[in-house]
Amino acid sequence: MFKTKDLVVIALISAISYLLSMLVVFRMPQGGSITLYLVPLLLAAFNDKFRNCLLIGLITSLLQIVLGGYFLNPVQVCFDYVIPVTLICISGYIITRNNNNILTNILGFIIACVLALLSYVCSGMLFYETPFVPSIIYNATFFVPTIIINLIIILIINKPLSKVYPK
């Protein structure tokens, strides 16, 4: 069972992430954008429990789908929303469990981002009929800057916020 405090944190992180996804720095013509929505997800990934992170990823992706996502079919939705967002949320657990080492968390985040990018690329190939290399180029154009910007911000704010983040 989830404690009330966990549910409140899950709801807040998911809502903040969705709101930050609406603040677009740059939008690609066929979908995808540079935003700061990964910051709260990374804060959770680096500091929270696995099941909370998993639920945050699922709720955030559902918010993105329901409140403005592009829906072709359920498999496309999984490749474009559920898989990438959930991978980012559990990135703190991809390498090791409950390790507060920031370098290990960053390595887990990078692996999760590569897997998320592959999910976007597969979606581009399967549902938008884009060849492999152009799909990588298109998706990397918005996702790599998003990763870099969000990682820089989380590295700056994680240490002070991890002291007050409920574990």
Protein backbone atom coordinates (compact mmCIF):
# COMPACT_ATOMS: atom_id res chain seq x y z
CA MET A 1 0.00 0.00 0.00
CA PHE A 2 1.04 3.53 -0.68
CA LYS A 3 1.18 5.98 2.19
CA THR A 4 -0.71 9.24 1.84
CA LYS A 5 2.58 11.14 1.73
CA ASP A 6 3.78 8.96 -1.17
CA LEU A 7 0.57 9.55 -3.12
CA VAL A 8 0.81 13.30 -2.60
CA VAL A 9 4.43 13.35 -3.79
CA ILE A 10 3.55 11.17 -6.80
CA ALA A 11 0.69 13.50 -7.73
CA LEU A 12 2.80 16.65 -7.29
CA ILE A 13 5.79 15.36 -9.27
CA SER A 14 3.51 14.14 -12.07
CA ALA A 15 1.60 17.43 -12.21
CA ILE A 16 4.74 19.58 -12.14
CA SER A 17 6.31 17.45 -14.86
CA TYR A 18 3.22 17.81 -17.04
CA LEU A 19 3.09 21.58 -16.49
CA LEU A 20 6.77 21.89 -17.40
CA SER A 21 6.13 19.87 -20.57
CA MET A 22 3.74 22.63 -21.63
CA LEU A 23 6.49 25.26 -21.36
CA VAL A 24 8.17 24.62 -24.68
CA VAL A 25 11.61 26.03 -25.50
CA PHE A 26 11.55 24.67 -29.06
CA ARG A 27 8.96 22.57 -30.93
CA MET A 28 9.75 20.24 -33.82
CA PRO A 29 7.39 20.42 -36.82
CA GLN A 30 6.27 16.76 -36.65
CA GLY A 31 6.14 16.43 -32.86
CA GLY A 32 8.68 16.47 -30.07
CA SER A 33 9.95 19.49 -28.20
CA ILE A 34 12.63 20.79 -25.88
CA THR A 35 11.14 21.26 -22.41
CA LEU A 36 12.08 20.99 -18.75
CA TYR A 37 9.65 18.18 -17.91
CA LEU A 38 12.49 15.79 -17.01
CA VAL A 39 13.63 17.84 -13.99
CA PRO A 40 10.95 16.61 -11.54
CA LEU A 41 11.17 13.11 -13.00
CA LEU A 42 14.92 13.05 -12.40
CA LEU A 43 14.48 14.43 -8.91
CA ALA A 44 12.20 11.49 -8.18
CA ALA A 45 14.44 9.00 -10.00
CA PHE A 46 17.47 10.02 -7.97
CA ASN A 47 15.71 10.27 -4.59
CA ASP A 48 12.53 8.20 -4.41
CA LYS A 49 11.49 4.54 -4.15
CA PHE A 50 11.22 2.37 -7.26
CA ARG A 51 7.45 1.83 -7.08
CA ASN A 52 6.85 5.56 -6.59
CA CYS A 53 9.04 6.33 -9.61
CA LEU A 54 7.23 3.73 -11.68
CA LEU A 55 3.85 5.24 -10.79
CA ILE A 56 5.12 8.76 -11.46
CA GLY A 57 6.22 7.67 -14.93
CA LEU A 58 2.91 6.05 -15.72
CA ILE A 59 0.82 8.96 -14.44
CA THR A 60 2.96 11.58 -16.18
CA SER A 61 2.77 9.75 -19.49
CA LEU A 62 -1.00 9.33 -19.11
CA LEU A 63 -1.36 13.06 -18.42
CA GLN A 64 0.63 13.82 -21.57
CA ILE A 65 -1.54 11.46 -23.62
CA VAL A 66 -4.91 12.58 -22.29
CA LEU A 67 -4.17 16.31 -22.19
CA GLY A 68 -2.66 16.77 -25.62
CA GLY A 69 -0.92 13.66 -26.88
CA TYR A 70 -0.99 12.34 -30.41
CA PHE A 71 -2.76 8.99 -30.59
CA LEU A 72 -2.51 6.61 -33.55
CA ASN A 73 -2.92 3.31 -31.71
CA PRO A 74 -2.07 1.85 -28.28
CA VAL A 75 1.34 0.52 -29.34
CA GLN A 76 2.40 3.92 -30.73
CA VAL A 77 1.28 5.55 -27.47
CA CYS A 78 3.50 3.13 -25.55
CA PHE A 79 6.52 3.89 -27.76
CA ASP A 80 6.00 7.68 -27.76
CA TYR A 81 4.85 8.29 -24.18
CA VAL A 82 4.72 5.43 -21.68
CA ILE A 83 8.07 3.71 -22.33
CA PRO A 84 10.31 6.82 -22.57
CA VAL A 85 8.81 8.65 -19.58
CA THR A 86 8.75 5.56 -17.38
CA LEU A 87 12.36 4.70 -18.30
CA ILE A 88 13.44 8.20 -17.25
CA CYS A 89 11.56 7.85 -13.96
CA ILE A 90 13.21 4.56 -13.07
CA SER A 91 16.63 5.62 -14.35
CA GLY A 92 18.00 5.79 -10.81
CA TYR A 93 17.38 2.05 -10.56
CA ILE A 94 18.68 0.92 -13.93
CA ILE A 95 22.27 0.50 -12.72
CA THR A 96 21.88 -0.03 -9.01
CA ARG A 97 19.24 0.06 -6.33
CA ASN A 98 19.16 2.62 -3.53
CA ASN A 99 22.60 4.00 -4.32
CA ASN A 100 22.88 7.69 -3.51
CA ASN A 101 25.97 8.05 -5.70
CA ILE A 102 25.14 10.80 -8.21
CA LEU A 103 27.57 9.42 -10.82
CA THR A 104 25.82 6.05 -10.76
CA ASN A 105 22.47 7.82 -11.06
CA ILE A 106 23.74 9.83 -14.03
CA LEU A 107 24.98 6.67 -15.73
CA GLY A 108 21.56 5.08 -15.17
CA PHE A 109 19.93 8.23 -16.57
CA ILE A 110 22.11 8.14 -19.69
CA ILE A 111 21.27 4.47 -20.28
CA ALA A 112 17.57 5.23 -19.75
CA CYS A 113 17.80 8.14 -22.21
CA VAL A 114 19.41 5.96 -24.88
CA LEU A 115 16.62 3.40 -24.40
CA ALA A 116 14.01 6.19 -24.49
CA LEU A 117 15.55 7.56 -27.69
CA LEU A 118 15.40 4.07 -29.20
CA SER A 119 11.73 3.94 -28.26
CA TYR A 120 11.14 7.24 -30.12
CA VAL A 121 13.15 5.94 -33.09
CA CYS A 122 11.13 2.70 -33.20
CA SER A 123 7.94 4.73 -33.13
CA GLY A 124 9.19 6.88 -36.00
CA MET A 125 10.06 3.81 -38.03
CA LEU A 126 6.94 1.78 -37.28
CA PHE A 127 4.19 4.37 -37.23
CA TYR A 128 5.50 7.33 -39.20
CA GLU A 129 7.34 5.21 -41.80
CA THR A 130 10.61 7.07 -41.32
CA PRO A 131 13.84 5.19 -42.16
CA PHE A 132 16.22 4.35 -39.28
CA VAL A 133 18.87 7.07 -39.69
CA PRO A 134 16.45 9.95 -40.35
CA SER A 135 14.38 8.82 -37.37
CA ILE A 136 17.46 8.93 -35.14
CA ILE A 137 18.43 12.37 -36.45
CA TYR A 138 14.92 13.79 -36.04
CA ASN A 139 14.39 12.45 -32.53
CA ALA A 140 17.90 13.30 -31.34
CA THR A 141 17.38 16.88 -32.54
CA PHE A 142 14.93 17.57 -29.71
CA PHE A 143 15.70 14.82 -27.20
CA VAL A 144 19.47 15.28 -26.79
CA PRO A 145 19.18 19.01 -25.95
CA THR A 146 16.31 18.17 -23.58
CA ILE A 147 18.51 15.62 -21.83
CA ILE A 148 21.48 17.98 -21.53
CA ILE A 149 19.48 20.96 -20.26
CA ASN A 150 17.51 18.89 -17.74
CA LEU A 151 20.62 17.07 -16.50
CA ILE A 152 22.45 20.36 -15.90
CA ILE A 153 19.49 21.73 -13.95
CA ILE A 154 19.08 18.58 -11.85
CA LEU A 155 22.80 18.52 -11.04
CA ILE A 156 22.48 22.07 -9.72
CA ILE A 157 19.31 21.56 -7.68
CA ASN A 158 19.45 17.90 -6.65
CA LYS A 159 21.75 18.22 -3.64
CA PRO A 160 19.76 20.94 -1.84
CA LEU A 161 16.39 19.41 -2.79
CA SER A 162 17.39 15.84 -1.89
CA LYS A 163 17.72 16.99 1.72
CA VAL A 164 14.02 17.88 1.84
CA TYR A 165 12.66 15.33 -0.64
CA PRO A 166 10.66 12.75 1.30
CA LYS A 167 12.18 9.30 1.02
